[in-house]
Structure formats: C-alpha cells, structure tokens
Amino acid sequence: MKMTLSEIQHLDHPVDKLMLVSLCSMSYQLYAEDQGERFAVYTNKGERVVSKSIEEGRQLIQGLKCKSAVLYQQLPYDEACAPVEGEMSPAMEIPLTSH
C-alpha cells in the first residue's frame, strides 16, 4: 500500500503515525502507519517523500493529520544491509512536534 500527501490530507481520520525514517545522516524518508499497515508516502507526482534535514521533514508533515509523528532511527545493521522494502526492525523513535 502507498499513499500520496494529498490522499493523507483528505482522509476522514488522522493516520496513526507519521514516521520520518533516517536513511543516512542527511536523508529522511516519510512513512506512515494506519490501521495496522505501514507504507511509504509519495508526492502527488509519484515520487517518494524525502527530506534532507529533520527540519525540512517537520515542514513536510506540518499540514498532515496524524495522531503522532516520530523520527525513526533504524539500527546501524539495517542501514548497512538495506532491508527488504517495507521491512523495518525495532529502533529508536523520537517524538516530533510541528511547533
């Protein structure tokens, strides 16, 4: 499953969690969890939502309805071994606020 930013904005409920996933020290990809499913978030042009900083990521999620937003830091093993698409191991989650 995947959703665009526009689709998330037009849901009749807030998604359970927005996750700014650290891909490396200067790249973060936006994922969401909703109703038990985790999925990548795409732009309205069909590109994955990726930011170059945490602050840029915060700005990207600012207008989206969600119950929580977190910075998701994967374990070093996951970053080095590039896990299968959609799979993420347990890692550190740090709450993000838009203010």
PDB file of N, CA and C in Angstrom:
ATOM      1  N   MET A   1       0.849  -1.180   0.000  1.00  0.00           N
ATOM      2  CA  MET A   1       0.000   0.000   0.000  1.00  0.00           C
ATOM      3  C   MET A   1       0.891   1.238   0.000  1.00  0.00           C
ATOM      4  N   LYS A   2       0.461   2.264  -0.696  1.00  0.00           N
ATOM      5  CA  LYS A   2       1.133   3.548  -0.651  1.00  0.00           C
ATOM      6  C   LYS A   2       0.079   4.645  -0.759  1.00  0.00           C
ATOM      7  N   MET A   3       0.425   5.815  -0.250  1.00  0.00           N
ATOM      8  CA  MET A   3      -0.484   6.952  -0.317  1.00  0.00           C
ATOM      9  C   MET A   3       0.304   8.196  -0.668  1.00  0.00           C
ATOM     10  N   THR A   4      -0.372   9.139  -1.286  1.00  0.00           N
ATOM     11  CA  THR A   4       0.254  10.423  -1.574  1.00  0.00           C
ATOM     12  C   THR A   4      -0.044  11.399  -0.438  1.00  0.00           C
ATOM     13  N   LEU A   5       0.704  12.488  -0.410  1.00  0.00           N
ATOM     14  CA  LEU A   5       0.449  13.533   0.582  1.00  0.00           C
ATOM     15  C   LEU A   5      -0.998  14.008   0.499  1.00  0.00           C
ATOM     16  N   SER A   6      -1.493  14.192  -0.708  1.00  0.00           N
ATOM     17  CA  SER A   6      -2.867  14.660  -0.910  1.00  0.00           C
ATOM     18  C   SER A   6      -3.891  13.669  -0.365  1.00  0.00           C
ATOM     19  N   GLU A   7      -3.657  12.378  -0.582  1.00  0.00           N
ATOM     20  CA  GLU A   7      -4.580  11.355  -0.078  1.00  0.00           C
ATOM     21  C   GLU A   7      -4.613  11.360   1.448  1.00  0.00           C
ATOM     22  N   ILE A   8      -3.460  11.540   2.075  1.00  0.00           N
ATOM     23  CA  ILE A   8      -3.421  11.593   3.538  1.00  0.00           C
ATOM     24  C   ILE A   8      -4.172  12.815   4.048  1.00  0.00           C
ATOM     25  N   GLN A   9      -4.001  13.954   3.371  1.00  0.00           N
ATOM     26  CA  GLN A   9      -4.693  15.176   3.784  1.00  0.00           C
ATOM     27  C   GLN A   9      -6.207  15.029   3.693  1.00  0.00           C
ATOM     28  N   HIS A  10      -6.676  14.218   2.755  1.00  0.00           N
ATOM     29  CA  HIS A  10      -8.120  14.093   2.538  1.00  0.00           C
ATOM     30  C   HIS A  10      -8.765  12.900   3.248  1.00  0.00           C
ATOM     31  N   LEU A  11      -8.000  12.178   4.062  1.00  0.00           N
ATOM     32  CA  LEU A  11      -8.599  11.095   4.849  1.00  0.00           C
ATOM     33  C   LEU A  11      -9.607  11.685   5.832  1.00  0.00           C
ATOM     34  N   ASP A  12     -10.607  10.895   6.186  1.00  0.00           N
ATOM     35  CA  ASP A  12     -11.605  11.370   7.153  1.00  0.00           C
ATOM     36  C   ASP A  12     -11.168  11.136   8.592  1.00  0.00           C
ATOM     37  N   HIS A  13      -9.935  10.671   8.775  1.00  0.00           N
ATOM     38  CA  HIS A  13      -9.381  10.446  10.106  1.00  0.00           C
ATOM     39  C   HIS A  13      -7.874  10.712  10.062  1.00  0.00           C
ATOM     40  N   PRO A  14      -7.267  11.016  11.185  1.00  0.00           N
ATOM     41  CA  PRO A  14      -5.807  11.168  11.195  1.00  0.00           C
ATOM     42  C   PRO A  14      -5.135   9.798  11.121  1.00  0.00           C
ATOM     43  N   VAL A  15      -4.012   9.714  10.394  1.00  0.00           N
ATOM     44  CA  VAL A  15      -3.270   8.457  10.376  1.00  0.00           C
ATOM     45  C   VAL A  15      -2.713   8.213  11.775  1.00  0.00           C
ATOM     46  N   ASP A  16      -2.463   6.958  12.091  1.00  0.00           N
ATOM     47  CA  ASP A  16      -1.979   6.619  13.431  1.00  0.00           C
ATOM     48  C   ASP A  16      -0.608   7.228  13.712  1.00  0.00           C
ATOM     49  N   LYS A  17       0.312   7.150  12.734  1.00  0.00           N
ATOM     50  CA  LYS A  17       1.663   7.653  12.974  1.00  0.00           C
ATOM     51  C   LYS A  17       2.319   8.064  11.665  1.00  0.00           C
ATOM     52  N   LEU A  18       2.991   9.202  11.678  1.00  0.00           N
ATOM     53  CA  LEU A  18       3.881   9.601  10.595  1.00  0.00           C
ATOM     54  C   LEU A  18       5.298   9.356  11.082  1.00  0.00           C
ATOM     55  N   MET A  19       6.127   8.782  10.231  1.00  0.00           N
ATOM     56  CA  MET A  19       7.479   8.406  10.626  1.00  0.00           C
ATOM     57  C   MET A  19       8.475   9.012   9.640  1.00  0.00           C
ATOM     58  N   LEU A  20       9.342   9.853  10.144  1.00  0.00           N
ATOM     59  CA  LEU A  20      10.438  10.390   9.361  1.00  0.00           C
ATOM     60  C   LEU A  20      11.605   9.433   9.584  1.00  0.00           C
ATOM     61  N   VAL A  21      11.843   8.544   8.615  1.00  0.00           N
ATOM     62  CA  VAL A  21      12.805   7.459   8.769  1.00  0.00           C
ATOM     63  C   VAL A  21      14.182   7.907   8.290  1.00  0.00           C
ATOM     64  N   SER A  22      15.157   7.798   9.176  1.00  0.00           N
ATOM     65  CA  SER A  22      16.527   8.165   8.854  1.00  0.00           C
ATOM     66  C   SER A  22      17.131   7.121   7.927  1.00  0.00           C
ATOM     67  N   LEU A  23      17.481   7.544   6.710  1.00  0.00           N
ATOM     68  CA  LEU A  23      18.117   6.642   5.758  1.00  0.00           C
ATOM     69  C   LEU A  23      19.630   6.707   5.888  1.00  0.00           C
ATOM     70  N   CYS A  24      20.130   7.887   6.189  1.00  0.00           N
ATOM     71  CA  CYS A  24      21.543   8.130   6.466  1.00  0.00           C
ATOM     72  C   CYS A  24      21.585   9.451   7.242  1.00  0.00           C
ATOM     73  N   SER A  25      22.740   9.982   7.480  1.00  0.00           N
ATOM     74  CA  SER A  25      22.816  11.173   8.326  1.00  0.00           C
ATOM     75  C   SER A  25      22.195  12.415   7.700  1.00  0.00           C
ATOM     76  N   MET A  26      21.930  12.405   6.387  1.00  0.00           N
ATOM     77  CA  MET A  26      21.377  13.594   5.749  1.00  0.00           C
ATOM     78  C   MET A  26      20.208  13.292   4.820  1.00  0.00           C
ATOM     79  N   SER A  27      19.493  12.211   5.074  1.00  0.00           N
ATOM     80  CA  SER A  27      18.369  11.851   4.227  1.00  0.00           C
ATOM     81  C   SER A  27      17.303  11.154   5.065  1.00  0.00           C
ATOM     82  N   TYR A  28      16.066  11.613   4.935  1.00  0.00           N
ATOM     83  CA  TYR A  28      14.955  11.092   5.718  1.00  0.00           C
ATOM     84  C   TYR A  28      13.774  10.845   4.788  1.00  0.00           C
ATOM     85  N   GLN A  29      13.188   9.657   4.874  1.00  0.00           N
ATOM     86  CA  GLN A  29      12.037   9.324   4.045  1.00  0.00           C
ATOM     87  C   GLN A  29      10.790   9.253   4.908  1.00  0.00           C
ATOM     88  N   LEU A  30       9.673   9.735   4.378  1.00  0.00           N
ATOM     89  CA  LEU A  30       8.425   9.763   5.121  1.00  0.00           C
ATOM     90  C   LEU A  30       7.638   8.475   4.912  1.00  0.00           C
ATOM     91  N   TYR A  31       7.285   7.845   6.021  1.00  0.00           N
ATOM     92  CA  TYR A  31       6.411   6.676   6.050  1.00  0.00           C
ATOM     93  C   TYR A  31       5.219   7.010   6.934  1.00  0.00           C
ATOM     94  N   ALA A  32       4.178   6.215   6.825  1.00  0.00           N
ATOM     95  CA  ALA A  32       3.017   6.361   7.697  1.00  0.00           C
ATOM     96  C   ALA A  32       2.552   4.981   8.137  1.00  0.00           C
ATOM     97  N   GLU A  33       1.906   4.944   9.289  1.00  0.00           N
ATOM     98  CA  GLU A  33       1.234   3.739   9.768  1.00  0.00           C
ATOM     99  C   GLU A  33      -0.223   4.099   9.982  1.00  0.00           C
ATOM    100  N   ASP A  34      -1.096   3.255   9.467  1.00  0.00           N
ATOM    101  CA  ASP A  34      -2.519   3.492   9.670  1.00  0.00           C
ATOM    102  C   ASP A  34      -3.256   2.159   9.630  1.00  0.00           C
ATOM    103  N   GLN A  35      -4.076   1.939  10.617  1.00  0.00           N
ATOM    104  CA  GLN A  35      -4.902   0.748  10.717  1.00  0.00           C
ATOM    105  C   GLN A  35      -4.078  -0.525  10.528  1.00  0.00           C
ATOM    106  N   GLY A  36      -2.906  -0.564  11.187  1.00  0.00           N
ATOM    107  CA  GLY A  36      -2.075  -1.755  11.178  1.00  0.00           C
ATOM    108  C   GLY A  36      -1.175  -1.927   9.965  1.00  0.00           C
ATOM    109  N   GLU A  37      -1.183  -0.987   9.025  1.00  0.00           N
ATOM    110  CA  GLU A  37      -0.329  -1.091   7.845  1.00  0.00           C
ATOM    111  C   GLU A  37       0.695   0.031   7.832  1.00  0.00           C
ATOM    112  N   ARG A  38       1.921  -0.292   7.415  1.00  0.00           N
ATOM    113  CA  ARG A  38       2.983   0.700   7.260  1.00  0.00           C
ATOM    114  C   ARG A  38       3.235   0.881   5.771  1.00  0.00           C
ATOM    115  N   PHE A  39       3.376   2.133   5.339  1.00  0.00           N
ATOM    116  CA  PHE A  39       3.571   2.392   3.920  1.00  0.00           C
ATOM    117  C   PHE A  39       4.377   3.665   3.700  1.00  0.00           C
ATOM    118  N   ALA A  40       5.047   3.715   2.549  1.00  0.00           N
ATOM    119  CA  ALA A  40       5.794   4.902   2.152  1.00  0.00           C
ATOM    120  C   ALA A  40       4.803   5.960   1.680  1.00  0.00           C
ATOM    121  N   VAL A  41       5.171   7.211   1.891  1.00  0.00           N
ATOM    122  CA  VAL A  41       4.338   8.331   1.445  1.00  0.00           C
ATOM    123  C   VAL A  41       4.996   8.935   0.202  1.00  0.00           C
ATOM    124  N   TYR A  42       4.173   9.244  -0.789  1.00  0.00           N
ATOM    125  CA  TYR A  42       4.646   9.760  -2.067  1.00  0.00           C
ATOM    126  C   TYR A  42       4.121  11.167  -2.308  1.00  0.00           C
ATOM    127  N   THR A  43       4.841  11.915  -3.145  1.00  0.00           N
ATOM    128  CA  THR A  43       4.350  13.222  -3.566  1.00  0.00           C
ATOM    129  C   THR A  43       3.188  12.992  -4.522  1.00  0.00           C
ATOM    130  N   ASN A  44       2.495  14.057  -4.863  1.00  0.00           N
ATOM    131  CA  ASN A  44       1.391  13.940  -5.801  1.00  0.00           C
ATOM    132  C   ASN A  44       1.885  13.629  -7.213  1.00  0.00           C
ATOM    133  N   LYS A  45       3.211  13.741  -7.439  1.00  0.00           N
ATOM    134  CA  LYS A  45       3.818  13.390  -8.729  1.00  0.00           C
ATOM    135  C   LYS A  45       4.312  11.948  -8.749  1.00  0.00           C
ATOM    136  N   GLY A  46       4.132  11.217  -7.643  1.00  0.00           N
ATOM    137  CA  GLY A  46       4.518   9.817  -7.583  1.00  0.00           C
ATOM    138  C   GLY A  46       5.928   9.550  -7.100  1.00  0.00           C
ATOM    139  N   GLU A  47       6.617  10.566  -6.563  1.00  0.00           N
ATOM    140  CA  GLU A  47       7.968  10.387  -6.038  1.00  0.00           C
ATOM    141  C   GLU A  47       7.899  10.189  -4.531  1.00  0.00           C
ATOM    142  N   ARG A  48       8.814   9.391  -3.985  1.00  0.00           N
ATOM    143  CA  ARG A  48       8.862   9.209  -2.538  1.00  0.00           C
ATOM    144  C   ARG A  48       9.159  10.536  -1.866  1.00  0.00           C
ATOM    145  N   VAL A  49       8.554  10.764  -0.708  1.00  0.00           N
ATOM    146  CA  VAL A  49       8.791  11.997   0.039  1.00  0.00           C
ATOM    147  C   VAL A  49      10.079  11.813   0.832  1.00  0.00           C
ATOM    148  N   VAL A  50      11.097  12.577   0.450  1.00  0.00           N
ATOM    149  CA  VAL A  50      12.407  12.512   1.090  1.00  0.00           C
ATOM    150  C   VAL A  50      12.829  13.927   1.436  1.00  0.00           C
ATOM    151  N   SER A  51      13.368  14.107   2.645  1.00  0.00           N
ATOM    152  CA  SER A  51      13.877  15.413   3.053  1.00  0.00           C
ATOM    153  C   SER A  51      15.365  15.311   3.346  1.00  0.00           C
ATOM    154  N   LYS A  52      16.043  16.444   3.313  1.00  0.00           N
ATOM    155  CA  LYS A  52      17.485  16.480   3.555  1.00  0.00           C
ATOM    156  C   LYS A  52      17.834  16.879   4.973  1.00  0.00           C
ATOM    157  N   SER A  53      16.805  17.183   5.771  1.00  0.00           N
ATOM    158  CA  SER A  53      17.038  17.530   7.175  1.00  0.00           C
ATOM    159  C   SER A  53      15.786  17.218   7.987  1.00  0.00           C
ATOM    160  N   ILE A  54      15.961  17.139   9.291  1.00  0.00           N
ATOM    161  CA  ILE A  54      14.815  16.904  10.168  1.00  0.00           C
ATOM    162  C   ILE A  54      13.854  18.087  10.095  1.00  0.00           C
ATOM    163  N   GLU A  55      14.395  19.300  10.047  1.00  0.00           N
ATOM    164  CA  GLU A  55      13.539  20.489   9.978  1.00  0.00           C
ATOM    165  C   GLU A  55      12.706  20.499   8.696  1.00  0.00           C
ATOM    166  N   GLU A  56      13.311  20.152   7.573  1.00  0.00           N
ATOM    167  CA  GLU A  56      12.572  20.061   6.313  1.00  0.00           C
ATOM    168  C   GLU A  56      11.483  18.991   6.418  1.00  0.00           C
ATOM    169  N   GLY A  57      11.795  17.880   7.070  1.00  0.00           N
ATOM    170  CA  GLY A  57      10.811  16.822   7.284  1.00  0.00           C
ATOM    171  C   GLY A  57       9.645  17.294   8.133  1.00  0.00           C
ATOM    172  N   ARG A  58       9.941  18.047   9.176  1.00  0.00           N
ATOM    173  CA  ARG A  58       8.872  18.611  10.014  1.00  0.00           C
ATOM    174  C   ARG A  58       7.946  19.502   9.195  1.00  0.00           C
ATOM    175  N   GLN A  59       8.522  20.296   8.312  1.00  0.00           N
ATOM    176  CA  GLN A  59       7.712  21.182   7.471  1.00  0.00           C
ATOM    177  C   GLN A  59       6.835  20.384   6.520  1.00  0.00           C
ATOM    178  N   LEU A  60       7.355  19.265   6.023  1.00  0.00           N
ATOM    179  CA  LEU A  60       6.580  18.417   5.119  1.00  0.00           C
ATOM    180  C   LEU A  60       5.344  17.826   5.793  1.00  0.00           C
ATOM    181  N   ILE A  61       5.473  17.459   7.065  1.00  0.00           N
ATOM    182  CA  ILE A  61       4.357  16.800   7.757  1.00  0.00           C
ATOM    183  C   ILE A  61       3.441  17.774   8.473  1.00  0.00           C
ATOM    184  N   GLN A  62       3.799  19.042   8.473  1.00  0.00           N
ATOM    185  CA  GLN A  62       3.063  20.035   9.253  1.00  0.00           C
ATOM    186  C   GLN A  62       1.561  20.067   8.939  1.00  0.00           C
ATOM    187  N   GLY A  63       1.166  19.942   7.704  1.00  0.00           N
ATOM    188  CA  GLY A  63      -0.249  20.031   7.364  1.00  0.00           C
ATOM    189  C   GLY A  63      -0.980  18.704   7.329  1.00  0.00           C
ATOM    190  N   LEU A  64      -0.313  17.625   7.710  1.00  0.00           N
ATOM    191  CA  LEU A  64      -0.931  16.303   7.639  1.00  0.00           C
ATOM    192  C   LEU A  64      -1.568  15.923   8.971  1.00  0.00           C
ATOM    193  N   LYS A  65      -2.721  15.283   8.902  1.00  0.00           N
ATOM    194  CA  LYS A  65      -3.414  14.847  10.115  1.00  0.00           C
ATOM    195  C   LYS A  65      -2.827  13.530  10.605  1.00  0.00           C
ATOM    196  N   CYS A  66      -2.343  13.551  11.859  1.00  0.00           N
ATOM    197  CA  CYS A  66      -1.792  12.315  12.427  1.00  0.00           C
ATOM    198  C   CYS A  66      -1.960  12.330  13.941  1.00  0.00           C
ATOM    199  N   LYS A  67      -1.996  11.135  14.517  1.00  0.00           N
ATOM    200  CA  LYS A  67      -2.077  11.008  15.977  1.00  0.00           C
ATOM    201  C   LYS A  67      -0.714  11.238  16.612  1.00  0.00           C
ATOM    202  N   SER A  68       0.362  10.838  15.906  1.00  0.00           N
ATOM    203  CA  SER A  68       1.716  11.097  16.393  1.00  0.00           C
ATOM    204  C   SER A  68       2.661  11.178  15.203  1.00  0.00           C
ATOM    205  N   ALA A  69       3.774  11.868  15.423  1.00  0.00           N
ATOM    206  CA  ALA A  69       4.829  11.980  14.412  1.00  0.00           C
ATOM    207  C   ALA A  69       6.153  11.720  15.116  1.00  0.00           C
ATOM    208  N   VAL A  70       6.987  10.873  14.516  1.00  0.00           N
ATOM    209  CA  VAL A  70       8.251  10.499  15.151  1.00  0.00           C
ATOM    210  C   VAL A  70       9.398  10.517  14.155  1.00  0.00           C
ATOM    211  N   LEU A  71      10.594  10.737  14.697  1.00  0.00           N
ATOM    212  CA  LEU A  71      11.823  10.489  13.968  1.00  0.00           C
ATOM    213  C   LEU A  71      12.157   9.031  14.257  1.00  0.00           C
ATOM    214  N   TYR A  72      12.334   8.239  13.225  1.00  0.00           N
ATOM    215  CA  TYR A  72      12.578   6.803  13.367  1.00  0.00           C
ATOM    216  C   TYR A  72      14.020   6.538  12.964  1.00  0.00           C
ATOM    217  N   GLN A  73      14.852   6.191  13.929  1.00  0.00           N
ATOM    218  CA  GLN A  73      16.264   5.903  13.677  1.00  0.00           C
ATOM    219  C   GLN A  73      16.457   4.402  13.595  1.00  0.00           C
ATOM    220  N   GLN A  74      16.755   3.908  12.401  1.00  0.00           N
ATOM    221  CA  GLN A  74      16.972   2.479  12.228  1.00  0.00           C
ATOM    222  C   GLN A  74      18.281   2.056  12.879  1.00  0.00           C
ATOM    223  N   LEU A  75      18.388   0.775  13.151  1.00  0.00           N
ATOM    224  CA  LEU A  75      19.622   0.229  13.695  1.00  0.00           C
ATOM    225  C   LEU A  75      20.719   0.294  12.627  1.00  0.00           C
ATOM    226  N   PRO A  76      21.974   0.460  13.022  1.00  0.00           N
ATOM    227  CA  PRO A  76      23.064   0.528  12.039  1.00  0.00           C
ATOM    228  C   PRO A  76      23.084  -0.670  11.094  1.00  0.00           C
ATOM    229  N   TYR A  77      22.724  -1.843  11.580  1.00  0.00           N
ATOM    230  CA  TYR A  77      22.699  -3.035  10.728  1.00  0.00           C
ATOM    231  C   TYR A  77      21.748  -2.832   9.550  1.00  0.00           C
ATOM    232  N   ASP A  78      20.549  -2.265   9.818  1.00  0.00           N
ATOM    233  CA  ASP A  78      19.564  -2.054   8.761  1.00  0.00           C
ATOM    234  C   ASP A  78      20.074  -1.078   7.716  1.00  0.00           C
ATOM    235  N   GLU A  79      20.733  -0.006   8.176  1.00  0.00           N
ATOM    236  CA  GLU A  79      21.254   0.975   7.235  1.00  0.00           C
ATOM    237  C   GLU A  79      22.329   0.354   6.356  1.00  0.00           C
ATOM    238  N   ALA A  80      23.165  -0.513   6.920  1.00  0.00           N
ATOM    239  CA  ALA A  80      24.269  -1.107   6.174  1.00  0.00           C
ATOM    240  C   ALA A  80      23.805  -2.203   5.223  1.00  0.00           C
ATOM    241  N   CYS A  81      22.770  -2.938   5.603  1.00  0.00           N
ATOM    242  CA  CYS A  81      22.360  -4.107   4.823  1.00  0.00           C
ATOM    243  C   CYS A  81      21.136  -3.876   3.956  1.00  0.00           C
ATOM    244  N   ALA A  82      20.569  -2.683   3.982  1.00  0.00           N
ATOM    245  CA  ALA A  82      19.412  -2.337   3.148  1.00  0.00           C
ATOM    246  C   ALA A  82      18.334  -3.413   3.219  1.00  0.00           C
ATOM    247  N   PRO A  83      17.472  -3.384   4.250  1.00  0.00           N
ATOM    248  CA  PRO A  83      16.446  -4.416   4.403  1.00  0.00           C
ATOM    249  C   PRO A  83      15.458  -4.427   3.245  1.00  0.00           C
ATOM    250  N   VAL A  84      14.695  -5.487   3.154  1.00  0.00           N
ATOM    251  CA  VAL A  84      13.686  -5.652   2.121  1.00  0.00           C
ATOM    252  C   VAL A  84      12.673  -4.518   2.216  1.00  0.00           C
ATOM    253  N   GLU A  85      12.183  -4.038   1.089  1.00  0.00           N
ATOM    254  CA  GLU A  85      11.211  -2.944   1.027  1.00  0.00           C
ATOM    255  C   GLU A  85      10.067  -3.176   2.005  1.00  0.00           C
ATOM    256  N   GLY A  86       9.774  -2.169   2.793  1.00  0.00           N
ATOM    257  CA  GLY A  86       8.662  -2.230   3.727  1.00  0.00           C
ATOM    258  C   GLY A  86       8.989  -2.814   5.079  1.00  0.00           C
ATOM    259  N   GLU A  87      10.133  -3.493   5.214  1.00  0.00           N
ATOM    260  CA  GLU A  87      10.502  -4.093   6.489  1.00  0.00           C
ATOM    261  C   GLU A  87      11.397  -3.143   7.280  1.00  0.00           C
ATOM    262  N   MET A  88      11.098  -3.006   8.557  1.00  0.00           N
ATOM    263  CA  MET A  88      11.921  -2.201   9.443  1.00  0.00           C
ATOM    264  C   MET A  88      12.029  -2.922  10.768  1.00  0.00           C
ATOM    265  N   SER A  89      13.224  -2.972  11.299  1.00  0.00           N
ATOM    266  CA  SER A  89      13.405  -3.619  12.591  1.00  0.00           C
ATOM    267  C   SER A  89      13.103  -2.627  13.695  1.00  0.00           C
ATOM    268  N   PRO A  90      12.942  -3.108  14.921  1.00  0.00           N
ATOM    269  CA  PRO A  90      12.736  -2.189  16.036  1.00  0.00           C
ATOM    270  C   PRO A  90      13.897  -1.202  16.122  1.00  0.00           C
ATOM    271  N   ALA A  91      13.579   0.020  16.450  1.00  0.00           N
ATOM    272  CA  ALA A  91      14.604   1.056  16.514  1.00  0.00           C
ATOM    273  C   ALA A  91      14.142   2.166  17.458  1.00  0.00           C
ATOM    274  N   MET A  92      14.946   3.177  17.550  1.00  0.00           N
ATOM    275  CA  MET A  92      14.625   4.298  18.409  1.00  0.00           C
ATOM    276  C   MET A  92      13.629   5.234  17.717  1.00  0.00           C
ATOM    277  N   GLU A  93      12.595   5.629  18.437  1.00  0.00           N
ATOM    278  CA  GLU A  93      11.626   6.597  17.941  1.00  0.00           C
ATOM    279  C   GLU A  93      11.662   7.832  18.845  1.00  0.00           C
ATOM    280  N   ILE A  94      11.818   8.997  18.233  1.00  0.00           N
ATOM    281  CA  ILE A  94      11.853  10.253  18.971  1.00  0.00           C
ATOM    282  C   ILE A  94      10.657  11.085  18.514  1.00  0.00           C
ATOM    283  N   PRO A  95       9.791  11.510  19.430  1.00  0.00           N
ATOM    284  CA  PRO A  95       8.625  12.312  19.037  1.00  0.00           C
ATOM    285  C   PRO A  95       9.036  13.601  18.330  1.00  0.00           C
ATOM    286  N   LEU A  96       8.299  13.948  17.285  1.00  0.00           N
ATOM    287  CA  LEU A  96       8.482  15.198  16.571  1.00  0.00           C
ATOM    288  C   LEU A  96       7.266  16.076  16.825  1.00  0.00           C
ATOM    289  N   THR A  97       7.489  17.339  16.942  1.00  0.00           N
ATOM    290  CA  THR A  97       6.366  18.281  17.024  1.00  0.00           C
ATOM    291  C   THR A  97       6.490  19.260  15.888  1.00  0.00           C
ATOM    292  N   SER A  98       5.391  19.810  15.472  1.00  0.00           N
ATOM    293  CA  SER A  98       5.408  20.758  14.364  1.00  0.00           C
ATOM    294  C   SER A  98       5.565  22.193  14.836  1.00  0.00           C
ATOM    295  N   HIS A  99       5.703  22.400  16.155  1.00  0.00           N
ATOM    296  CA  HIS A  99       5.843  23.766  16.680  1.00  0.00           C
ATOM    297  C   HIS A  99       7.221  23.989  17.225  1.00  0.00           C
TER     298      HIS A  99
END
